[in-house]
Amino acid sequence: EVVWQLKEQSGVIDADRLPNGNTLLTLQQSGAVRELNKKGEVVWE
């Protein structure tokens, strides 16, 4: 069962859950690395 998800993450190729509960994404097509909180808000990039 899906308990959490993020959509529209352009070129997502890696996702790591951080100890603070945020998720670190590697976005190949966007040329970016972004940290998102549980609401999907970008808090660092």
PDB file of all heavy atoms in Angstrom:
ATOM      1  N   GLU A   1       0.838  -1.199   0.000  1.00  0.00           N
ATOM      2  CA  GLU A   1       0.000   0.000   0.000  1.00  0.00           C
ATOM      3  C   GLU A   1       0.873   1.250   0.000  1.00  0.00           C
ATOM      4  O   GLU A   1       1.840   1.356   0.757  1.00  0.00           O
ATOM      5  CB  GLU A   1      -0.909   0.017   1.222  1.00  0.00           C
ATOM      6  CG  GLU A   1      -1.831   1.223   1.274  1.00  0.00           C
ATOM      7  CD  GLU A   1      -2.725   1.240   2.493  1.00  0.00           C
ATOM      8  OE1 GLU A   1      -2.726   0.233   3.235  1.00  0.00           O
ATOM      9  OE2 GLU A   1      -3.409   2.257   2.715  1.00  0.00           O
ATOM     10  N   VAL A   2       0.540   2.196  -0.861  1.00  0.00           N
ATOM     11  CA  VAL A   2       1.272   3.466  -0.923  1.00  0.00           C
ATOM     12  C   VAL A   2       0.888   4.310   0.280  1.00  0.00           C
ATOM     13  O   VAL A   2      -0.289   4.638   0.475  1.00  0.00           O
ATOM     14  CB  VAL A   2       0.971   4.221  -2.230  1.00  0.00           C
ATOM     15  CG1 VAL A   2       1.671   5.579  -2.232  1.00  0.00           C
ATOM     16  CG2 VAL A   2       1.408   3.394  -3.439  1.00  0.00           C
ATOM     17  N   VAL A   3       1.880   4.684   1.103  1.00  0.00           N
ATOM     18  CA  VAL A   3       1.612   5.486   2.306  1.00  0.00           C
ATOM     19  C   VAL A   3       2.096   6.922   2.145  1.00  0.00           C
ATOM     20  O   VAL A   3       1.756   7.784   2.970  1.00  0.00           O
ATOM     21  CB  VAL A   3       2.262   4.837   3.547  1.00  0.00           C
ATOM     22  CG1 VAL A   3       1.671   3.464   3.797  1.00  0.00           C
ATOM     23  CG2 VAL A   3       3.777   4.731   3.395  1.00  0.00           C
ATOM     24  N   TRP A   4       2.893   7.185   1.122  1.00  0.00           N
ATOM     25  CA  TRP A   4       3.388   8.543   0.867  1.00  0.00           C
ATOM     26  C   TRP A   4       3.925   8.586  -0.548  1.00  0.00           C
ATOM     27  O   TRP A   4       4.474   7.592  -1.056  1.00  0.00           O
ATOM     28  CB  TRP A   4       4.500   8.886   1.858  1.00  0.00           C
ATOM     29  CG  TRP A   4       5.058  10.280   1.754  1.00  0.00           C
ATOM     30  CD1 TRP A   4       4.526  11.423   2.277  1.00  0.00           C
ATOM     31  CD2 TRP A   4       6.260  10.682   1.077  1.00  0.00           C
ATOM     32  NE1 TRP A   4       5.331  12.507   1.983  1.00  0.00           N
ATOM     33  CE2 TRP A   4       6.400  12.082   1.256  1.00  0.00           C
ATOM     34  CE3 TRP A   4       7.241   9.993   0.363  1.00  0.00           C
ATOM     35  CZ2 TRP A   4       7.468  12.798   0.729  1.00  0.00           C
ATOM     36  CZ3 TRP A   4       8.305  10.699  -0.173  1.00  0.00           C
ATOM     37  CH2 TRP A   4       8.413  12.100   0.013  1.00  0.00           C
ATOM     38  N   GLN A   5       3.763   9.725  -1.229  1.00  0.00           N
ATOM     39  CA  GLN A   5       4.281   9.832  -2.592  1.00  0.00           C
ATOM     40  C   GLN A   5       4.526  11.279  -2.985  1.00  0.00           C
ATOM     41  O   GLN A   5       3.961  12.214  -2.409  1.00  0.00           O
ATOM     42  CB  GLN A   5       3.326   9.184  -3.583  1.00  0.00           C
ATOM     43  CG  GLN A   5       1.969   9.832  -3.694  1.00  0.00           C
ATOM     44  CD  GLN A   5       1.079   9.123  -4.699  1.00  0.00           C
ATOM     45  OE1 GLN A   5       1.522   8.805  -5.813  1.00  0.00           O
ATOM     46  NE2 GLN A   5      -0.166   8.842  -4.321  1.00  0.00           N
ATOM     47  N   LEU A   6       5.396  11.424  -3.954  1.00  0.00           N
ATOM     48  CA  LEU A   6       5.663  12.702  -4.596  1.00  0.00           C
ATOM     49  C   LEU A   6       5.519  12.488  -6.099  1.00  0.00           C
ATOM     50  O   LEU A   6       6.019  11.504  -6.644  1.00  0.00           O
ATOM     51  CB  LEU A   6       7.088  13.189  -4.297  1.00  0.00           C
ATOM     52  CG  LEU A   6       7.411  13.649  -2.876  1.00  0.00           C
ATOM     53  CD1 LEU A   6       8.916  13.876  -2.739  1.00  0.00           C
ATOM     54  CD2 LEU A   6       6.651  14.929  -2.540  1.00  0.00           C
ATOM     55  N   LYS A   7       4.865  13.416  -6.759  1.00  0.00           N
ATOM     56  CA  LYS A   7       4.725  13.339  -8.212  1.00  0.00           C
ATOM     57  C   LYS A   7       5.363  14.568  -8.840  1.00  0.00           C
ATOM     58  O   LYS A   7       5.738  15.519  -8.173  1.00  0.00           O
ATOM     59  CB  LYS A   7       3.246  13.238  -8.597  1.00  0.00           C
ATOM     60  CG  LYS A   7       2.573  11.954  -8.131  1.00  0.00           C
ATOM     61  CD  LYS A   7       1.121  11.890  -8.596  1.00  0.00           C
ATOM     62  CE  LYS A   7       0.462  10.585  -8.175  1.00  0.00           C
ATOM     63  NZ  LYS A   7      -0.953  10.511  -8.623  1.00  0.00           N
ATOM     64  N   GLU A   8       5.515  14.507 -10.158  1.00  0.00           N
ATOM     65  CA  GLU A   8       6.041  15.626 -10.949  1.00  0.00           C
ATOM     66  C   GLU A   8       7.442  16.031 -10.504  1.00  0.00           C
ATOM     67  O   GLU A   8       7.773  17.213 -10.409  1.00  0.00           O
ATOM     68  CB  GLU A   8       5.076  16.819 -10.884  1.00  0.00           C
ATOM     69  CG  GLU A   8       3.694  16.496 -11.437  1.00  0.00           C
ATOM     70  CD  GLU A   8       2.740  17.674 -11.353  1.00  0.00           C
ATOM     71  OE1 GLU A   8       3.145  18.738 -10.854  1.00  0.00           O
ATOM     72  OE2 GLU A   8       1.582  17.528 -11.788  1.00  0.00           O
ATOM     73  N   GLN A   9       8.271  15.025 -10.233  1.00  0.00           N
ATOM     74  CA  GLN A   9       9.678  15.267  -9.871  1.00  0.00           C
ATOM     75  C   GLN A   9      10.528  14.941 -11.104  1.00  0.00           C
ATOM     76  O   GLN A   9      10.940  13.806 -11.305  1.00  0.00           O
ATOM     77  CB  GLN A   9      10.076  14.416  -8.671  1.00  0.00           C
ATOM     78  CG  GLN A   9       9.209  14.637  -7.448  1.00  0.00           C
ATOM     79  CD  GLN A   9       9.240  16.072  -6.963  1.00  0.00           C
ATOM     80  OE1 GLN A   9      10.304  16.691  -6.860  1.00  0.00           O
ATOM     81  NE2 GLN A   9       8.068  16.618  -6.653  1.00  0.00           N
ATOM     82  N   SER A  10      10.790  15.914 -11.913  1.00  0.00           N
ATOM     83  CA  SER A  10      11.359  15.718 -13.246  1.00  0.00           C
ATOM     84  C   SER A  10      12.716  15.012 -13.225  1.00  0.00           C
ATOM     85  O   SER A  10      13.698  15.541 -12.717  1.00  0.00           O
ATOM     86  CB  SER A  10      11.508  17.071 -13.950  1.00  0.00           C
ATOM     87  OG  SER A  10      12.043  16.901 -15.240  1.00  0.00           O
ATOM     88  N   GLY A  11      12.716  13.796 -13.770  1.00  0.00           N
ATOM     89  CA  GLY A  11      13.963  13.048 -13.897  1.00  0.00           C
ATOM     90  C   GLY A  11      14.471  12.485 -12.593  1.00  0.00           C
ATOM     91  O   GLY A  11      15.681  12.347 -12.411  1.00  0.00           O
ATOM     92  N   VAL A  12      13.583  12.099 -11.663  1.00  0.00           N
ATOM     93  CA  VAL A  12      14.037  11.585 -10.371  1.00  0.00           C
ATOM     94  C   VAL A  12      14.729  10.237 -10.548  1.00  0.00           C
ATOM     95  O   VAL A  12      14.184   9.311 -11.149  1.00  0.00           O
ATOM     96  CB  VAL A  12      12.873  11.495  -9.367  1.00  0.00           C
ATOM     97  CG1 VAL A  12      11.803  10.491  -9.808  1.00  0.00           C
ATOM     98  CG2 VAL A  12      13.403  11.141  -7.988  1.00  0.00           C
ATOM     99  N   ILE A  13      15.946  10.158 -10.043  1.00  0.00           N
ATOM    100  CA  ILE A  13      16.760   8.961 -10.234  1.00  0.00           C
ATOM    101  C   ILE A  13      17.287   8.405  -8.917  1.00  0.00           C
ATOM    102  O   ILE A  13      17.790   7.288  -8.838  1.00  0.00           O
ATOM    103  CB  ILE A  13      17.916   9.279 -11.207  1.00  0.00           C
ATOM    104  CG1 ILE A  13      18.504   8.013 -11.810  1.00  0.00           C
ATOM    105  CG2 ILE A  13      18.997  10.129 -10.551  1.00  0.00           C
ATOM    106  CD1 ILE A  13      19.430   8.283 -12.988  1.00  0.00           C
ATOM    107  N   ASP A  14      17.142   9.185  -7.846  1.00  0.00           N
ATOM    108  CA  ASP A  14      17.607   8.749  -6.525  1.00  0.00           C
ATOM    109  C   ASP A  14      16.755   9.447  -5.469  1.00  0.00           C
ATOM    110  O   ASP A  14      16.410  10.630  -5.611  1.00  0.00           O
ATOM    111  CB  ASP A  14      19.086   9.113  -6.336  1.00  0.00           C
ATOM    112  CG  ASP A  14      19.637   8.656  -4.999  1.00  0.00           C
ATOM    113  OD1 ASP A  14      19.493   7.462  -4.677  1.00  0.00           O
ATOM    114  OD2 ASP A  14      20.218   9.478  -4.274  1.00  0.00           O
ATOM    115  N   ALA A  15      16.411   8.708  -4.402  1.00  0.00           N
ATOM    116  CA  ALA A  15      15.629   9.274  -3.302  1.00  0.00           C
ATOM    117  C   ALA A  15      16.130   8.684  -1.992  1.00  0.00           C
ATOM    118  O   ALA A  15      16.160   7.459  -1.837  1.00  0.00           O
ATOM    119  CB  ALA A  15      14.147   8.977  -3.487  1.00  0.00           C
ATOM    120  N   ASP A  16      16.534   9.538  -1.074  1.00  0.00           N
ATOM    121  CA  ASP A  16      17.037   9.112   0.235  1.00  0.00           C
ATOM    122  C   ASP A  16      16.223   9.774   1.332  1.00  0.00           C
ATOM    123  O   ASP A  16      16.071  11.003   1.341  1.00  0.00           O
ATOM    124  CB  ASP A  16      18.510   9.498   0.416  1.00  0.00           C
ATOM    125  CG  ASP A  16      19.430   8.803  -0.566  1.00  0.00           C
ATOM    126  OD1 ASP A  16      19.049   7.733  -1.081  1.00  0.00           O
ATOM    127  OD2 ASP A  16      20.527   9.335  -0.828  1.00  0.00           O
ATOM    128  N   ARG A  17      15.736   8.983   2.273  1.00  0.00           N
ATOM    129  CA  ARG A  17      15.048   9.542   3.433  1.00  0.00           C
ATOM    130  C   ARG A  17      16.090   9.960   4.470  1.00  0.00           C
ATOM    131  O   ARG A  17      16.929   9.155   4.881  1.00  0.00           O
ATOM    132  CB  ARG A  17      14.085   8.502   4.013  1.00  0.00           C
ATOM    133  CG  ARG A  17      13.288   8.945   5.236  1.00  0.00           C
ATOM    134  CD  ARG A  17      12.340  10.098   4.961  1.00  0.00           C
ATOM    135  NE  ARG A  17      11.538   9.984   3.765  1.00  0.00           N
ATOM    136  CZ  ARG A  17      10.442   9.225   3.647  1.00  0.00           C
ATOM    137  NH1 ARG A  17      10.016   8.522   4.677  1.00  0.00           N
ATOM    138  NH2 ARG A  17       9.766   9.191   2.519  1.00  0.00           N
ATOM    139  N   LEU A  18      16.035  11.216   4.880  1.00  0.00           N
ATOM    140  CA  LEU A  18      16.986  11.756   5.840  1.00  0.00           C
ATOM    141  C   LEU A  18      16.480  11.555   7.269  1.00  0.00           C
ATOM    142  O   LEU A  18      15.273  11.399   7.491  1.00  0.00           O
ATOM    143  CB  LEU A  18      17.211  13.243   5.571  1.00  0.00           C
ATOM    144  CG  LEU A  18      17.687  13.606   4.157  1.00  0.00           C
ATOM    145  CD1 LEU A  18      17.823  15.113   4.017  1.00  0.00           C
ATOM    146  CD2 LEU A  18      19.005  12.910   3.834  1.00  0.00           C
ATOM    147  N   PRO A  19      17.379  11.556   8.264  1.00  0.00           N
ATOM    148  CA  PRO A  19      16.946  11.381   9.652  1.00  0.00           C
ATOM    149  C   PRO A  19      15.914  12.408  10.110  1.00  0.00           C
ATOM    150  O   PRO A  19      15.105  12.119  10.997  1.00  0.00           O
ATOM    151  CB  PRO A  19      18.250  11.502  10.448  1.00  0.00           C
ATOM    152  CG  PRO A  19      19.302  11.028   9.505  1.00  0.00           C
ATOM    153  CD  PRO A  19      18.851  11.533   8.159  1.00  0.00           C
ATOM    154  N   ASN A  20      15.908  13.604   9.513  1.00  0.00           N
ATOM    155  CA  ASN A  20      14.947  14.627   9.917  1.00  0.00           C
ATOM    156  C   ASN A  20      13.565  14.425   9.303  1.00  0.00           C
ATOM    157  O   ASN A  20      12.651  15.235   9.513  1.00  0.00           O
ATOM    158  CB  ASN A  20      15.472  16.027   9.583  1.00  0.00           C
ATOM    159  CG  ASN A  20      15.656  16.261   8.082  1.00  0.00           C
ATOM    160  OD1 ASN A  20      15.274  15.429   7.261  1.00  0.00           O
ATOM    161  ND2 ASN A  20      16.253  17.383   7.721  1.00  0.00           N
ATOM    162  N   GLY A  21      13.403  13.335   8.543  1.00  0.00           N
ATOM    163  CA  GLY A  21      12.121  13.030   7.921  1.00  0.00           C
ATOM    164  C   GLY A  21      11.953  13.581   6.527  1.00  0.00           C
ATOM    165  O   GLY A  21      11.013  13.204   5.814  1.00  0.00           O
ATOM    166  N   ASN A  22      12.845  14.462   6.109  1.00  0.00           N
ATOM    167  CA  ASN A  22      12.796  14.982   4.744  1.00  0.00           C
ATOM    168  C   ASN A  22      13.361  13.957   3.766  1.00  0.00           C
ATOM    169  O   ASN A  22      13.953  12.955   4.176  1.00  0.00           O
ATOM    170  CB  ASN A  22      13.584  16.295   4.637  1.00  0.00           C
ATOM    171  CG  ASN A  22      12.931  17.419   5.421  1.00  0.00           C
ATOM    172  OD1 ASN A  22      11.774  17.327   5.819  1.00  0.00           O
ATOM    173  ND2 ASN A  22      13.679  18.492   5.649  1.00  0.00           N
ATOM    174  N   THR A  23      13.190  14.206   2.480  1.00  0.00           N
ATOM    175  CA  THR A  23      13.665  13.283   1.447  1.00  0.00           C
ATOM    176  C   THR A  23      14.562  14.042   0.481  1.00  0.00           C
ATOM    177  O   THR A  23      14.198  15.108  -0.024  1.00  0.00           O
ATOM    178  CB  THR A  23      12.474  12.670   0.686  1.00  0.00           C
ATOM    179  OG1 THR A  23      11.593  12.030   1.621  1.00  0.00           O
ATOM    180  CG2 THR A  23      12.950  11.632  -0.324  1.00  0.00           C
ATOM    181  N   LEU A  24      15.744  13.489   0.237  1.00  0.00           N
ATOM    182  CA  LEU A  24      16.719  14.094  -0.679  1.00  0.00           C
ATOM    183  C   LEU A  24      16.567  13.444  -2.049  1.00  0.00           C
ATOM    184  O   LEU A  24      16.718  12.227  -2.184  1.00  0.00           O
ATOM    185  CB  LEU A  24      18.139  13.883  -0.145  1.00  0.00           C
ATOM    186  CG  LEU A  24      19.254  14.636  -0.883  1.00  0.00           C
ATOM    187  CD1 LEU A  24      19.145  16.143  -0.617  1.00  0.00           C
ATOM    188  CD2 LEU A  24      20.625  14.120  -0.443  1.00  0.00           C
ATOM    189  N   LEU A  25      16.253  14.261  -3.056  1.00  0.00           N
ATOM    190  CA  LEU A  25      16.012  13.765  -4.413  1.00  0.00           C
ATOM    191  C   LEU A  25      17.123  14.200  -5.360  1.00  0.00           C
ATOM    192  O   LEU A  25      17.586  15.345  -5.303  1.00  0.00           O
ATOM    193  CB  LEU A  25      14.684  14.289  -4.953  1.00  0.00           C
ATOM    194  CG  LEU A  25      13.410  13.975  -4.172  1.00  0.00           C
ATOM    195  CD1 LEU A  25      12.201  14.515  -4.925  1.00  0.00           C
ATOM    196  CD2 LEU A  25      13.268  12.481  -3.914  1.00  0.00           C
ATOM    197  N   THR A  26      17.520  13.279  -6.239  1.00  0.00           N
ATOM    198  CA  THR A  26      18.432  13.605  -7.333  1.00  0.00           C
ATOM    199  C   THR A  26      17.608  13.629  -8.612  1.00  0.00           C
ATOM    200  O   THR A  26      17.019  12.613  -9.003  1.00  0.00           O
ATOM    201  CB  THR A  26      19.549  12.560  -7.445  1.00  0.00           C
ATOM    202  OG1 THR A  26      20.235  12.473  -6.196  1.00  0.00           O
ATOM    203  CG2 THR A  26      20.532  12.936  -8.540  1.00  0.00           C
ATOM    204  N   LEU A  27      17.558  14.788  -9.258  1.00  0.00           N
ATOM    205  CA  LEU A  27      16.704  14.999 -10.426  1.00  0.00           C
ATOM    206  C   LEU A  27      17.589  15.189 -11.654  1.00  0.00           C
ATOM    207  O   LEU A  27      18.102  16.281 -11.910  1.00  0.00           O
ATOM    208  CB  LEU A  27      15.806  16.216 -10.202  1.00  0.00           C
ATOM    209  CG  LEU A  27      14.961  16.154  -8.916  1.00  0.00           C
ATOM    210  CD1 LEU A  27      14.262  17.471  -8.664  1.00  0.00           C
ATOM    211  CD2 LEU A  27      13.947  15.024  -9.006  1.00  0.00           C
ATOM    212  N   GLN A  28      17.740  14.119 -12.421  1.00  0.00           N
ATOM    213  CA  GLN A  28      18.687  14.125 -13.534  1.00  0.00           C
ATOM    214  C   GLN A  28      18.296  15.120 -14.611  1.00  0.00           C
ATOM    215  O   GLN A  28      19.112  15.915 -15.075  1.00  0.00           O
ATOM    216  CB  GLN A  28      18.802  12.716 -14.121  1.00  0.00           C
ATOM    217  CG  GLN A  28      19.950  12.546 -15.089  1.00  0.00           C
ATOM    218  CD  GLN A  28      19.990  11.133 -15.656  1.00  0.00           C
ATOM    219  OE1 GLN A  28      19.167  10.764 -16.477  1.00  0.00           O
ATOM    220  NE2 GLN A  28      20.958  10.340 -15.209  1.00  0.00           N
ATOM    221  N   GLN A  29      17.045  15.093 -15.044  1.00  0.00           N
ATOM    222  CA  GLN A  29      16.615  15.977 -16.131  1.00  0.00           C
ATOM    223  C   GLN A  29      16.642  17.441 -15.717  1.00  0.00           C
ATOM    224  O   GLN A  29      16.952  18.323 -16.528  1.00  0.00           O
ATOM    225  CB  GLN A  29      15.212  15.591 -16.594  1.00  0.00           C
ATOM    226  CG  GLN A  29      15.143  14.265 -17.334  1.00  0.00           C
ATOM    227  CD  GLN A  29      13.724  13.905 -17.739  1.00  0.00           C
ATOM    228  OE1 GLN A  29      12.775  14.627 -17.444  1.00  0.00           O
ATOM    229  NE2 GLN A  29      13.570  12.773 -18.409  1.00  0.00           N
ATOM    230  N   SER A  30      16.358  17.707 -14.468  1.00  0.00           N
ATOM    231  CA  SER A  30      16.347  19.090 -13.980  1.00  0.00           C
ATOM    232  C   SER A  30      17.739  19.592 -13.613  1.00  0.00           C
ATOM    233  O   SER A  30      17.908  20.792 -13.364  1.00  0.00           O
ATOM    234  CB  SER A  30      15.439  19.199 -12.747  1.00  0.00           C
ATOM    235  OG  SER A  30      14.126  18.809 -13.052  1.00  0.00           O
ATOM    236  N   GLY A  31      18.711  18.683 -13.562  1.00  0.00           N
ATOM    237  CA  GLY A  31      20.053  19.080 -13.157  1.00  0.00           C
ATOM    238  C   GLY A  31      20.083  19.603 -11.739  1.00  0.00           C
ATOM    239  O   GLY A  31      20.787  20.568 -11.435  1.00  0.00           O
ATOM    240  N   ALA A  32      19.315  18.943 -10.843  1.00  0.00           N
ATOM    241  CA  ALA A  32      19.165  19.474  -9.493  1.00  0.00           C
ATOM    242  C   ALA A  32      19.190  18.371  -8.444  1.00  0.00           C
ATOM    243  O   ALA A  32      18.897  17.202  -8.726  1.00  0.00           O
ATOM    244  CB  ALA A  32      17.852  20.262  -9.376  1.00  0.00           C
ATOM    245  N   VAL A  33      19.548  18.752  -7.230  1.00  0.00           N
ATOM    246  CA  VAL A  33      19.382  17.936  -6.032  1.00  0.00           C
ATOM    247  C   VAL A  33      18.532  18.747  -5.080  1.00  0.00           C
ATOM    248  O   VAL A  33      18.857  19.907  -4.788  1.00  0.00           O
ATOM    249  CB  VAL A  33      20.729  17.579  -5.382  1.00  0.00           C
ATOM    250  CG1 VAL A  33      20.519  16.900  -4.037  1.00  0.00           C
ATOM    251  CG2 VAL A  33      21.546  16.676  -6.309  1.00  0.00           C
ATOM    252  N   ARG A  34      17.430  18.170  -4.597  1.00  0.00           N
ATOM    253  CA  ARG A  34      16.497  18.927  -3.762  1.00  0.00           C
ATOM    254  C   ARG A  34      16.126  18.133  -2.518  1.00  0.00           C
ATOM    255  O   ARG A  34      15.915  16.917  -2.582  1.00  0.00           O
ATOM    256  CB  ARG A  34      15.227  19.273  -4.541  1.00  0.00           C
ATOM    257  CG  ARG A  34      15.480  20.263  -5.664  1.00  0.00           C
ATOM    258  CD  ARG A  34      14.218  20.623  -6.410  1.00  0.00           C
ATOM    259  NE  ARG A  34      14.538  21.529  -7.525  1.00  0.00           N
ATOM    260  CZ  ARG A  34      13.972  21.474  -8.720  1.00  0.00           C
ATOM    261  NH1 ARG A  34      13.042  20.575  -8.961  1.00  0.00           N
ATOM    262  NH2 ARG A  34      14.337  22.315  -9.674  1.00  0.00           N
ATOM    263  N   GLU A  35      16.031  18.839  -1.414  1.00  0.00           N
ATOM    264  CA  GLU A  35      15.518  18.272  -0.173  1.00  0.00           C
ATOM    265  C   GLU A  35      14.091  18.774   0.016  1.00  0.00           C
ATOM    266  O   GLU A  35      13.852  19.985   0.026  1.00  0.00           O
ATOM    267  CB  GLU A  35      16.390  18.685   1.008  1.00  0.00           C
ATOM    268  CG  GLU A  35      15.905  18.139   2.343  1.00  0.00           C
ATOM    269  CD  GLU A  35      16.754  18.590   3.508  1.00  0.00           C
ATOM    270  OE1 GLU A  35      17.887  19.071   3.271  1.00  0.00           O
ATOM    271  OE2 GLU A  35      16.290  18.488   4.669  1.00  0.00           O
ATOM    272  N   LEU A  36      13.160  17.828   0.156  1.00  0.00           N
ATOM    273  CA  LEU A  36      11.755  18.166   0.308  1.00  0.00           C
ATOM    274  C   LEU A  36      11.240  17.665   1.651  1.00  0.00           C
ATOM    275  O   LEU A  36      11.648  16.597   2.125  1.00  0.00           O
ATOM    276  CB  LEU A  36      10.909  17.546  -0.806  1.00  0.00           C
ATOM    277  CG  LEU A  36      10.999  18.175  -2.202  1.00  0.00           C
ATOM    278  CD1 LEU A  36      12.302  17.804  -2.888  1.00  0.00           C
ATOM    279  CD2 LEU A  36       9.823  17.734  -3.064  1.00  0.00           C
ATOM    280  N   ASN A  37      10.341  18.417   2.267  1.00  0.00           N
ATOM    281  CA  ASN A  37       9.736  17.948   3.502  1.00  0.00           C
ATOM    282  C   ASN A  37       8.564  17.020   3.192  1.00  0.00           C
ATOM    283  O   ASN A  37       8.273  16.735   2.017  1.00  0.00           O
ATOM    284  CB  ASN A  37       9.317  19.133   4.389  1.00  0.00           C
ATOM    285  CG  ASN A  37       8.263  20.028   3.716  1.00  0.00           C
ATOM    286  OD1 ASN A  37       7.537  19.611   2.814  1.00  0.00           O
ATOM    287  ND2 ASN A  37       8.176  21.266   4.177  1.00  0.00           N
ATOM    288  N   LYS A  38       7.877  16.562   4.231  1.00  0.00           N
ATOM    289  CA  LYS A  38       6.808  15.583   4.026  1.00  0.00           C
ATOM    290  C   LYS A  38       5.644  16.150   3.226  1.00  0.00           C
ATOM    291  O   LYS A  38       4.884  15.410   2.618  1.00  0.00           O
ATOM    292  CB  LYS A  38       6.318  15.076   5.383  1.00  0.00           C
ATOM    293  CG  LYS A  38       7.339  14.203   6.095  1.00  0.00           C
ATOM    294  CD  LYS A  38       6.800  13.664   7.409  1.00  0.00           C
ATOM    295  CE  LYS A  38       7.832  12.763   8.078  1.00  0.00           C
ATOM    296  NZ  LYS A  38       7.345  12.215   9.378  1.00  0.00           N
ATOM    297  N   LYS A  39       5.514  17.487   3.214  1.00  0.00           N
ATOM    298  CA  LYS A  39       4.456  18.121   2.426  1.00  0.00           C
ATOM    299  C   LYS A  39       4.840  18.293   0.963  1.00  0.00           C
ATOM    300  O   LYS A  39       4.029  18.738   0.155  1.00  0.00           O
ATOM    301  CB  LYS A  39       4.118  19.487   3.021  1.00  0.00           C
ATOM    302  CG  LYS A  39       3.539  19.431   4.420  1.00  0.00           C
ATOM    303  CD  LYS A  39       3.250  20.827   4.934  1.00  0.00           C
ATOM    304  CE  LYS A  39       2.683  20.806   6.337  1.00  0.00           C
ATOM    305  NZ  LYS A  39       2.400  22.175   6.845  1.00  0.00           N
ATOM    306  N   GLY A  40       6.086  17.946   0.628  1.00  0.00           N
ATOM    307  CA  GLY A  40       6.544  18.114  -0.741  1.00  0.00           C
ATOM    308  C   GLY A  40       7.123  19.476  -1.032  1.00  0.00           C
ATOM    309  O   GLY A  40       7.359  19.814  -2.198  1.00  0.00           O
ATOM    310  N   GLU A  41       7.373  20.255   0.017  1.00  0.00           N
ATOM    311  CA  GLU A  41       7.939  21.600  -0.157  1.00  0.00           C
ATOM    312  C   GLU A  41       9.463  21.527  -0.198  1.00  0.00           C
ATOM    313  O   GLU A  41      10.079  20.805   0.587  1.00  0.00           O
ATOM    314  CB  GLU A  41       7.498  22.499   1.000  1.00  0.00           C
ATOM    315  CG  GLU A  41       5.990  22.658   1.110  1.00  0.00           C
ATOM    316  CD  GLU A  41       5.560  23.238   2.445  1.00  0.00           C
ATOM    317  OE1 GLU A  41       6.305  23.080   3.446  1.00  0.00           O
ATOM    318  OE2 GLU A  41       4.467  23.834   2.493  1.00  0.00           O
ATOM    319  N   VAL A  42      10.062  22.274  -1.118  1.00  0.00           N
ATOM    320  CA  VAL A  42      11.515  22.305  -1.248  1.00  0.00           C
ATOM    321  C   VAL A  42      12.095  23.163  -0.119  1.00  0.00           C
ATOM    322  O   VAL A  42      11.732  24.333   0.037  1.00  0.00           O
ATOM    323  CB  VAL A  42      11.949  22.879  -2.616  1.00  0.00           C
ATOM    324  CG1 VAL A  42      13.472  22.967  -2.699  1.00  0.00           C
ATOM    325  CG2 VAL A  42      11.403  22.010  -3.754  1.00  0.00           C
ATOM    326  N   VAL A  43      13.002  22.568   0.668  1.00  0.00           N
ATOM    327  CA  VAL A  43      13.615  23.305   1.777  1.00  0.00           C
ATOM    328  C   VAL A  43      15.106  23.560   1.531  1.00  0.00           C
ATOM    329  O   VAL A  43      15.730  24.331   2.273  1.00  0.00           O
ATOM    330  CB  VAL A  43      13.418  22.560   3.116  1.00  0.00           C
ATOM    331  CG1 VAL A  43      11.938  22.429   3.436  1.00  0.00           C
ATOM    332  CG2 VAL A  43      14.079  21.168   3.077  1.00  0.00           C
ATOM    333  N   TRP A  44      15.656  22.914   0.513  1.00  0.00           N
ATOM    334  CA  TRP A  44      17.078  23.106   0.172  1.00  0.00           C
ATOM    335  C   TRP A  44      17.280  22.547  -1.222  1.00  0.00           C
ATOM    336  O   TRP A  44      16.649  21.553  -1.600  1.00  0.00           O
ATOM    337  CB  TRP A  44      17.959  22.367   1.178  1.00  0.00           C
ATOM    338  CG  TRP A  44      19.440  22.544   0.993  1.00  0.00           C
ATOM    339  CD1 TRP A  44      20.226  23.502   1.547  1.00  0.00           C
ATOM    340  CD2 TRP A  44      20.326  21.709   0.213  1.00  0.00           C
ATOM    341  NE1 TRP A  44      21.539  23.325   1.163  1.00  0.00           N
ATOM    342  CE2 TRP A  44      21.622  22.241   0.348  1.00  0.00           C
ATOM    343  CE3 TRP A  44      20.144  20.577  -0.583  1.00  0.00           C
ATOM    344  CZ2 TRP A  44      22.730  21.673  -0.290  1.00  0.00           C
ATOM    345  CZ3 TRP A  44      21.236  20.009  -1.225  1.00  0.00           C
ATOM    346  CH2 TRP A  44      22.511  20.569  -1.067  1.00  0.00           C
ATOM    347  N   GLU A  45      18.189  23.171  -2.003  1.00  0.00           N
ATOM    348  CA  GLU A  45      18.431  22.635  -3.346  1.00  0.00           C
ATOM    349  C   GLU A  45      19.763  23.098  -3.919  1.00  0.00           C
ATOM    350  O   GLU A  45      20.323  24.125  -3.524  1.00  0.00           O
ATOM    351  CB  GLU A  45      17.298  23.015  -4.293  1.00  0.00           C
ATOM    352  CG  GLU A  45      17.144  24.491  -4.545  1.00  0.00           C
ATOM    353  CD  GLU A  45      15.951  24.792  -5.455  1.00  0.00           C
ATOM    354  OE1 GLU A  45      15.680  24.000  -6.366  1.00  0.00           O
ATOM    355  OE2 GLU A  45      15.297  25.826  -5.243  1.00  0.00           O
TER     356      GLU A  45
END
